């Protein structure tokens, strides 16, 4: 017999009972009155799993509940009745199995983050309506204009000349994403160019002033067109949203997971893979127009020097591109 605290479901006051099997039935005997309170078949009860070092619970029909401190005694009683613990309950008591499960969970989570999330983001980005990507880009540009960007101070003729030069460049065969070139000024952002979802490319006055040759500017714009072609901005933002959605779904609140797509675009930092893809696209585009990829390498060096002493505080999208030395070395093979 095993001692337990019995709650009848009508009163919060427990009664001390003894549990035993009689004629195939679990019997609850009141220790004070030595009377049988209840009898149930094993299949009519719910045996709760073990939780930490607390009491084990038996849920009885019609709201009855037993708390048992003597877990070993209850295990023996249940074994006598032919009860078999669930795999989860047995695994919780198996240290090797628990460690294996923890390691497997970490490996699966890491693999999902490394390969699953990018694949999912690529699939979603490929199926998003063009209008949604354009709206996201417009909303992002509005946020940038509100906080970090100002109207361009370049003369209209200069802006039109740069736009015309870029429009005259032919993209690599079969690779012609739509684009819209915007000019902005921003001492806070400095010399930079960046692509937004939906085709918008932003070029700052500071980058125009930094370049010593318009071909450097064309090379940077070709790089940003590569980001547009591969939809890097949208894919990067979606990766962050997918991770956030998984976390919020696990924690029980997915309602806000997709609310900040424009903000996610701002906070995205391109991966090495994305930068390499955009660099290769730019190199091919430059070569297709009888221009050397060296112009992009030169522009990257100037941007690296210009941003070396720049304070933090701007969104990641506006930060100087990472891994500049590696990218310059990689461009040498396209010379």
Protein backbone atom coordinates (compact mmCIF):
# COMPACT_ATOMS: atom_id res chain seq x y z
CA UNK A 1 0.00 0.00 0.00
CA UNK A 2 1.05 3.57 -0.72
CA UNK A 3 0.00 6.65 1.23
CA UNK A 4 -1.46 9.61 -0.73
CA UNK A 5 -3.30 12.90 -0.30
CA UNK A 6 -6.73 12.66 -1.88
CA UNK A 7 -8.75 15.64 -3.21
CA UNK A 8 -12.34 14.82 -4.04
CA UNK A 9 -12.83 17.79 -6.41
CA UNK A 10 -15.41 19.44 -4.19
CA UNK A 11 -13.30 20.57 -1.25
CA UNK A 12 -9.78 22.00 -1.08
CA UNK A 13 -9.10 20.01 2.10
CA UNK A 14 -7.11 16.82 1.37
CA UNK A 15 -7.75 13.47 3.02
CA UNK A 16 -5.04 10.94 3.76
CA UNK A 17 -5.69 7.65 1.98
CA UNK A 18 -3.94 4.37 1.28
CA UNK A 19 -3.74 3.13 -2.31
CA UNK A 20 -3.85 -0.57 -3.06
CA UNK A 21 -5.05 -3.02 -5.69
CA UNK A 22 -8.04 -5.22 -4.89
CA UNK A 23 -9.59 -7.49 -7.51
CA UNK A 24 -7.99 -5.48 -10.35
CA UNK A 25 -9.22 -2.14 -9.01
CA UNK A 26 -7.28 0.73 -7.48
CA UNK A 27 -8.73 1.16 -4.03
CA UNK A 28 -8.64 4.38 -1.99
CA UNK A 29 -9.02 3.65 1.71
CA UNK A 30 -9.54 6.47 4.21
CA UNK A 31 -6.91 6.00 6.92
CA UNK A 32 -8.92 7.82 9.57
CA UNK A 33 -12.19 5.94 9.10
CA UNK A 34 -10.77 2.77 7.51
CA UNK A 35 -13.44 2.94 4.81
CA UNK A 36 -13.15 2.49 1.07
CA UNK A 37 -13.75 5.84 -0.67
CA UNK A 38 -13.33 4.89 -4.32
CA UNK A 39 -12.33 2.07 -6.66
CA UNK A 40 -11.28 2.43 -10.31
CA UNK A 41 -9.85 0.46 -13.18
CA UNK A 42 -6.35 1.42 -14.29
CA UNK A 43 -7.54 2.51 -17.74
CA UNK A 44 -9.99 4.95 -16.15
CA UNK A 45 -7.20 6.95 -14.51
CA UNK A 46 -4.53 9.29 -15.82
CA UNK A 47 -1.05 8.77 -14.45
CA UNK A 48 0.79 12.10 -14.71
CA UNK A 49 4.44 12.13 -15.76
CA UNK A 50 7.10 12.83 -13.19
CA UNK A 51 7.98 16.51 -12.83
CA UNK A 52 11.19 17.29 -10.98
CA UNK A 53 11.12 16.14 -7.39
CA UNK A 54 7.48 17.02 -6.69
CA UNK A 55 4.72 14.57 -5.84
CA UNK A 56 3.37 12.21 -8.49
CA UNK A 57 -0.25 12.77 -9.50
CA UNK A 58 -3.08 10.35 -10.21
CA UNK A 59 -6.11 11.94 -11.87
CA UNK A 60 -9.29 10.01 -11.12
CA UNK A 61 -12.63 10.13 -12.89
CA UNK A 62 -15.06 12.88 -11.86
CA UNK A 63 -12.36 15.38 -10.81
CA UNK A 64 -10.69 13.25 -8.16
CA UNK A 65 -6.94 13.67 -7.64
CA UNK A 66 -4.26 11.91 -5.60
CA UNK A 67 -0.84 13.33 -4.71
CA UNK A 68 1.78 10.72 -3.87
CA UNK A 69 5.13 11.62 -2.29
CA UNK A 70 6.36 8.01 -2.26
CA UNK A 71 7.25 7.86 -5.94
CA UNK A 72 9.10 4.56 -5.68
CA UNK A 73 6.13 3.00 -3.89
CA UNK A 74 3.74 4.27 -6.54
CA UNK A 75 5.99 2.94 -9.30
CA UNK A 76 5.90 -0.49 -7.71
CA UNK A 77 2.12 -0.29 -7.30
CA UNK A 78 1.66 0.68 -10.94
CA UNK A 79 3.98 -2.07 -12.09
CA UNK A 80 1.90 -4.52 -10.11
CA UNK A 81 -1.15 -3.34 -12.03
CA UNK A 82 0.61 -3.74 -15.39
CA UNK A 83 1.03 -0.02 -16.05
CA UNK A 84 3.89 0.92 -18.39
CA UNK A 85 5.40 4.40 -18.21
CA UNK A 86 5.42 6.51 -21.36
CA UNK A 87 8.62 6.85 -23.38
CA UNK A 88 8.90 10.50 -22.29
CA UNK A 89 8.63 9.57 -18.63
CA UNK A 90 11.22 6.79 -18.99
CA UNK A 91 13.52 9.09 -20.95
CA UNK A 92 13.43 11.74 -18.25
CA UNK A 93 15.00 9.27 -15.85
CA UNK A 94 17.65 8.17 -18.35
CA UNK A 95 20.58 10.60 -18.21
CA UNK A 96 22.25 9.28 -21.37
CA UNK A 97 19.01 9.50 -23.33
CA UNK A 98 18.31 13.01 -22.01
CA UNK A 99 21.80 14.18 -23.02
CA UNK A 100 21.39 12.60 -26.46
CA UNK A 101 18.02 14.31 -26.90
CA UNK A 102 19.48 17.69 -25.87
CA UNK A 103 22.39 17.32 -28.29
CA UNK A 104 20.06 16.21 -31.08
CA UNK A 105 17.82 19.21 -30.45
CA UNK A 106 20.80 21.58 -30.65
CA UNK A 107 22.02 19.96 -33.88
CA UNK A 108 18.56 20.11 -35.46
CA UNK A 109 18.10 23.74 -34.41
CA UNK A 110 21.53 24.69 -35.77
CA UNK A 111 20.92 22.87 -39.05
CA UNK A 112 17.52 24.50 -39.37
CA UNK A 113 19.03 27.94 -38.76
CA UNK A 114 21.95 27.34 -41.14
CA UNK A 115 20.11 25.69 -44.03
CA UNK A 116 16.39 25.46 -43.30
CA UNK A 117 15.75 29.15 -42.61
CA UNK A 118 17.51 30.40 -45.79
CA UNK A 119 15.68 27.81 -47.91
CA UNK A 120 12.36 28.81 -46.39
CA UNK A 121 13.11 32.52 -46.88
CA UNK A 122 14.08 31.91 -50.52
CA UNK A 123 10.85 30.00 -51.12
CA UNK A 124 8.72 32.71 -49.50
CA UNK A 125 10.55 35.53 -51.31
CA UNK A 126 10.04 33.81 -54.67
CA UNK A 127 6.30 33.63 -54.06
CA UNK A 128 5.69 37.08 -52.59
CA UNK A 129 3.70 39.33 -54.91
CA UNK A 130 5.77 42.05 -56.57
CA UNK A 131 3.41 44.64 -55.14
CA UNK A 132 4.16 43.56 -51.57
CA UNK A 133 7.92 43.83 -52.15
CA UNK A 134 7.47 47.29 -53.67
CA UNK A 135 5.29 48.40 -50.76
CA UNK A 136 7.90 47.14 -48.29
CA UNK A 137 10.60 49.07 -50.14
CA UNK A 138 8.50 52.23 -50.15
CA UNK A 139 7.76 51.97 -46.43
CA UNK A 140 11.45 51.38 -45.71
CA UNK A 141 12.42 54.42 -47.76
CA UNK A 142 9.88 56.50 -45.82
CA UNK A 143 11.48 55.38 -42.55
CA UNK A 144 14.91 56.24 -43.88
CA UNK A 145 13.75 59.66 -45.10
CA UNK A 146 12.23 60.34 -41.70
CA UNK A 147 15.27 59.46 -39.62
CA UNK A 148 18.50 59.28 -41.63
CA UNK A 149 18.18 60.68 -45.15
CA UNK A 150 17.67 64.17 -46.55
CA UNK A 151 16.88 65.46 -50.05
CA UNK A 152 19.83 65.33 -52.42
CA UNK A 153 21.84 68.53 -52.91
CA UNK A 154 23.25 67.39 -56.24
CA UNK A 155 22.24 69.55 -59.21
CA UNK A 156 19.42 68.06 -61.23
CA UNK A 157 21.64 67.79 -64.30
CA UNK A 158 24.23 65.77 -62.35
CA UNK A 159 21.61 63.37 -61.02
CA UNK A 160 20.11 62.89 -64.47
CA UNK A 161 23.56 62.28 -65.98
CA UNK A 162 24.30 59.51 -63.46
CA UNK A 163 20.88 57.98 -63.95
CA UNK A 164 21.37 58.02 -67.73
CA UNK A 165 24.82 56.42 -67.45
CA UNK A 166 23.48 53.61 -65.33
CA UNK A 167 20.46 53.06 -67.58
CA UNK A 168 22.83 52.73 -70.54
CA UNK A 169 24.64 49.78 -68.94
CA UNK A 170 23.43 46.41 -70.11
CA UNK A 171 22.90 43.80 -67.37
CA UNK A 172 24.32 40.29 -67.81
CA UNK A 173 22.32 38.27 -70.36
CA UNK A 174 18.97 37.22 -68.96
CA UNK A 175 19.45 39.17 -65.73
CA UNK A 176 17.57 42.46 -65.85
CA UNK A 177 15.73 43.31 -62.61
CA UNK A 178 13.61 46.44 -62.51
CA UNK A 179 15.18 49.35 -60.65
CA UNK A 180 14.51 52.95 -59.60
CA UNK A 181 17.44 55.16 -58.63
CA UNK A 182 16.94 57.67 -55.81
CA UNK A 183 19.42 60.32 -54.70
CA UNK A 184 19.67 61.33 -51.06
CA UNK A 185 22.06 63.26 -48.82
CA UNK A 186 23.03 62.10 -45.34
CA UNK A 187 26.10 63.16 -43.32
CA UNK A 188 25.04 60.58 -40.74
CA UNK A 189 25.04 57.70 -43.22
CA UNK A 190 27.93 58.99 -45.28
CA UNK A 191 29.12 57.56 -48.58
CA UNK A 192 26.85 54.64 -49.38
CA UNK A 193 24.45 52.98 -51.76
CA UNK A 194 21.92 50.32 -50.89
CA UNK A 195 19.07 48.38 -52.41
CA UNK A 196 15.56 48.11 -51.01
CA UNK A 197 12.99 45.41 -51.81
CA UNK A 198 10.94 46.06 -54.91
CA UNK A 199 13.62 47.72 -57.07
CA UNK A 200 14.60 50.92 -55.25
CA UNK A 201 18.31 51.78 -55.13
CA UNK A 202 19.51 54.67 -52.97
CA UNK A 203 22.70 56.58 -53.80
CA UNK A 204 24.01 59.21 -51.37
CA UNK A 205 25.58 62.52 -52.36
CA UNK A 206 28.52 61.60 -50.14
CA UNK A 207 29.34 58.56 -52.28
CA UNK A 208 29.17 60.67 -55.44
CA UNK A 209 31.61 63.12 -53.84
CA UNK A 210 33.88 60.30 -52.67
CA UNK A 211 34.23 58.69 -56.10
CA UNK A 212 37.00 60.00 -58.33
CA UNK A 213 35.48 58.51 -61.46
CA UNK A 214 31.87 57.89 -62.44
CA UNK A 215 32.82 54.32 -63.32
CA UNK A 216 33.32 53.68 -59.62
CA UNK A 217 29.75 54.84 -59.02
CA UNK A 218 28.49 52.63 -61.85
CA UNK A 219 30.31 49.66 -60.31
CA UNK A 220 28.68 50.26 -56.91
CA UNK A 221 25.26 50.61 -58.53
CA UNK A 222 25.85 47.36 -60.46
CA UNK A 223 26.58 45.68 -57.12
CA UNK A 224 23.30 47.00 -55.69
CA UNK A 225 21.50 45.82 -58.82
CA UNK A 226 22.89 42.37 -58.01
CA UNK A 227 21.21 42.58 -54.61
CA UNK A 228 17.98 43.45 -56.44
CA UNK A 229 18.37 40.57 -58.87
CA UNK A 230 18.78 38.01 -56.09
CA UNK A 231 16.22 39.75 -53.82
CA UNK A 232 18.78 39.77 -51.02
CA UNK A 233 17.13 42.49 -48.95
CA UNK A 234 13.79 40.71 -48.85
CA UNK A 235 15.33 37.29 -48.31
CA UNK A 236 17.50 38.57 -45.47
CA UNK A 237 14.56 40.25 -43.76
CA UNK A 238 12.42 37.14 -44.17
CA UNK A 239 15.11 35.01 -42.54
CA UNK A 240 14.93 37.21 -39.45
CA UNK A 241 11.15 37.11 -39.49
CA UNK A 242 11.07 33.31 -39.83
CA UNK A 243 13.36 32.94 -36.82
CA UNK A 244 11.25 35.45 -34.88
CA UNK A 245 8.04 33.69 -35.90
CA UNK A 246 9.43 30.34 -34.73
CA UNK A 247 10.38 31.81 -31.37
CA UNK A 248 7.08 33.63 -30.89
CA UNK A 249 5.11 30.55 -31.96
CA UNK A 250 7.03 28.49 -29.41
CA UNK A 251 6.32 31.08 -26.75
CA UNK A 252 2.69 31.35 -27.79
CA UNK A 253 2.42 34.74 -29.55
CA UNK A 254 2.81 34.86 -33.32
CA UNK A 255 0.52 37.84 -33.90
CA UNK A 256 3.34 40.39 -34.24
CA UNK A 257 5.88 38.22 -36.06
CA UNK A 258 5.18 39.75 -39.50
CA UNK A 259 4.32 43.26 -38.33
CA UNK A 260 7.79 44.76 -38.73
CA UNK A 261 8.93 43.72 -42.21
CA UNK A 262 10.14 47.21 -43.10
CA UNK A 263 12.06 47.49 -39.84
CA UNK A 264 13.52 44.04 -40.44
CA UNK A 265 14.82 45.23 -43.81
CA UNK A 266 16.56 48.13 -42.08
CA UNK A 267 18.23 45.89 -39.52
CA UNK A 268 19.39 43.24 -42.01
CA UNK A 269 23.08 42.82 -42.66
CA UNK A 270 23.99 40.96 -45.80
CA UNK A 271 25.84 37.68 -45.38
CA UNK A 272 29.14 36.84 -47.06
CA UNK A 273 27.22 34.71 -49.55
CA UNK A 274 24.90 37.55 -50.51
CA UNK A 275 27.78 40.00 -50.89
CA UNK A 276 29.71 37.56 -53.04
CA UNK A 277 26.70 36.97 -55.27
CA UNK A 278 26.19 40.71 -55.73
CA UNK A 279 29.91 41.23 -56.40
CA UNK A 280 29.93 38.49 -59.05
CA UNK A 281 26.83 39.99 -60.64
CA UNK A 282 28.49 43.43 -60.71
CA UNK A 283 31.71 42.01 -62.18
CA UNK A 284 29.78 40.26 -64.95
CA UNK A 285 27.77 43.37 -65.65
CA UNK A 286 30.88 45.55 -65.83
CA UNK A 287 32.64 43.09 -68.14
CA UNK A 288 29.51 42.87 -70.29
CA UNK A 289 29.86 46.64 -70.80
CA UNK A 290 33.63 46.56 -71.45
CA UNK A 291 34.42 47.89 -67.97
CA UNK A 292 36.89 46.36 -65.55
CA UNK A 293 35.71 44.88 -62.22
CA UNK A 294 38.69 46.81 -60.83
CA UNK A 295 36.35 49.81 -60.62
CA UNK A 296 34.30 47.98 -58.00
CA UNK A 297 37.42 46.99 -56.04
CA UNK A 298 38.58 50.61 -56.07
CA UNK A 299 35.17 51.83 -54.92
CA UNK A 300 35.15 49.26 -52.11
CA UNK A 301 38.54 50.46 -50.91
CA UNK A 302 37.35 54.06 -50.83
CA UNK A 303 34.19 53.09 -48.95
CA UNK A 304 36.21 51.06 -46.45
CA UNK A 305 38.45 54.03 -45.72
CA UNK A 306 35.52 56.44 -45.52
CA UNK A 307 33.64 54.27 -43.03
CA UNK A 308 36.64 53.24 -40.92
CA UNK A 309 36.19 56.07 -38.44
CA UNK A 310 32.41 56.44 -38.71
CA UNK A 311 30.44 56.14 -35.47
CA UNK A 312 27.88 53.43 -34.97
CA UNK A 313 24.17 54.13 -34.74
CA UNK A 314 22.89 53.75 -38.29
CA UNK A 315 20.91 50.71 -39.41
CA UNK A 316 22.88 47.68 -40.55
CA UNK A 317 21.64 48.08 -44.11
CA UNK A 318 23.39 51.47 -44.23
CA UNK A 319 26.60 50.24 -42.64
CA UNK A 320 29.70 49.77 -44.75
CA UNK A 321 29.66 46.34 -46.31
CA UNK A 322 31.56 43.72 -44.26
CA UNK A 323 34.47 41.55 -45.40
CA UNK A 324 35.80 44.20 -47.78
CA UNK A 325 39.34 42.76 -48.00
CA UNK A 326 37.98 39.32 -48.87
CA UNK A 327 35.71 40.76 -51.51
CA UNK A 328 38.49 42.74 -53.16
CA UNK A 329 40.62 39.60 -53.34
CA UNK A 330 37.73 37.65 -54.86
CA UNK A 331 37.23 40.31 -57.54
CA UNK A 332 40.77 39.76 -58.81
CA UNK A 333 39.70 36.56 -60.55
CA UNK A 334 37.32 38.61 -62.71
CA UNK A 335 39.95 41.05 -63.92
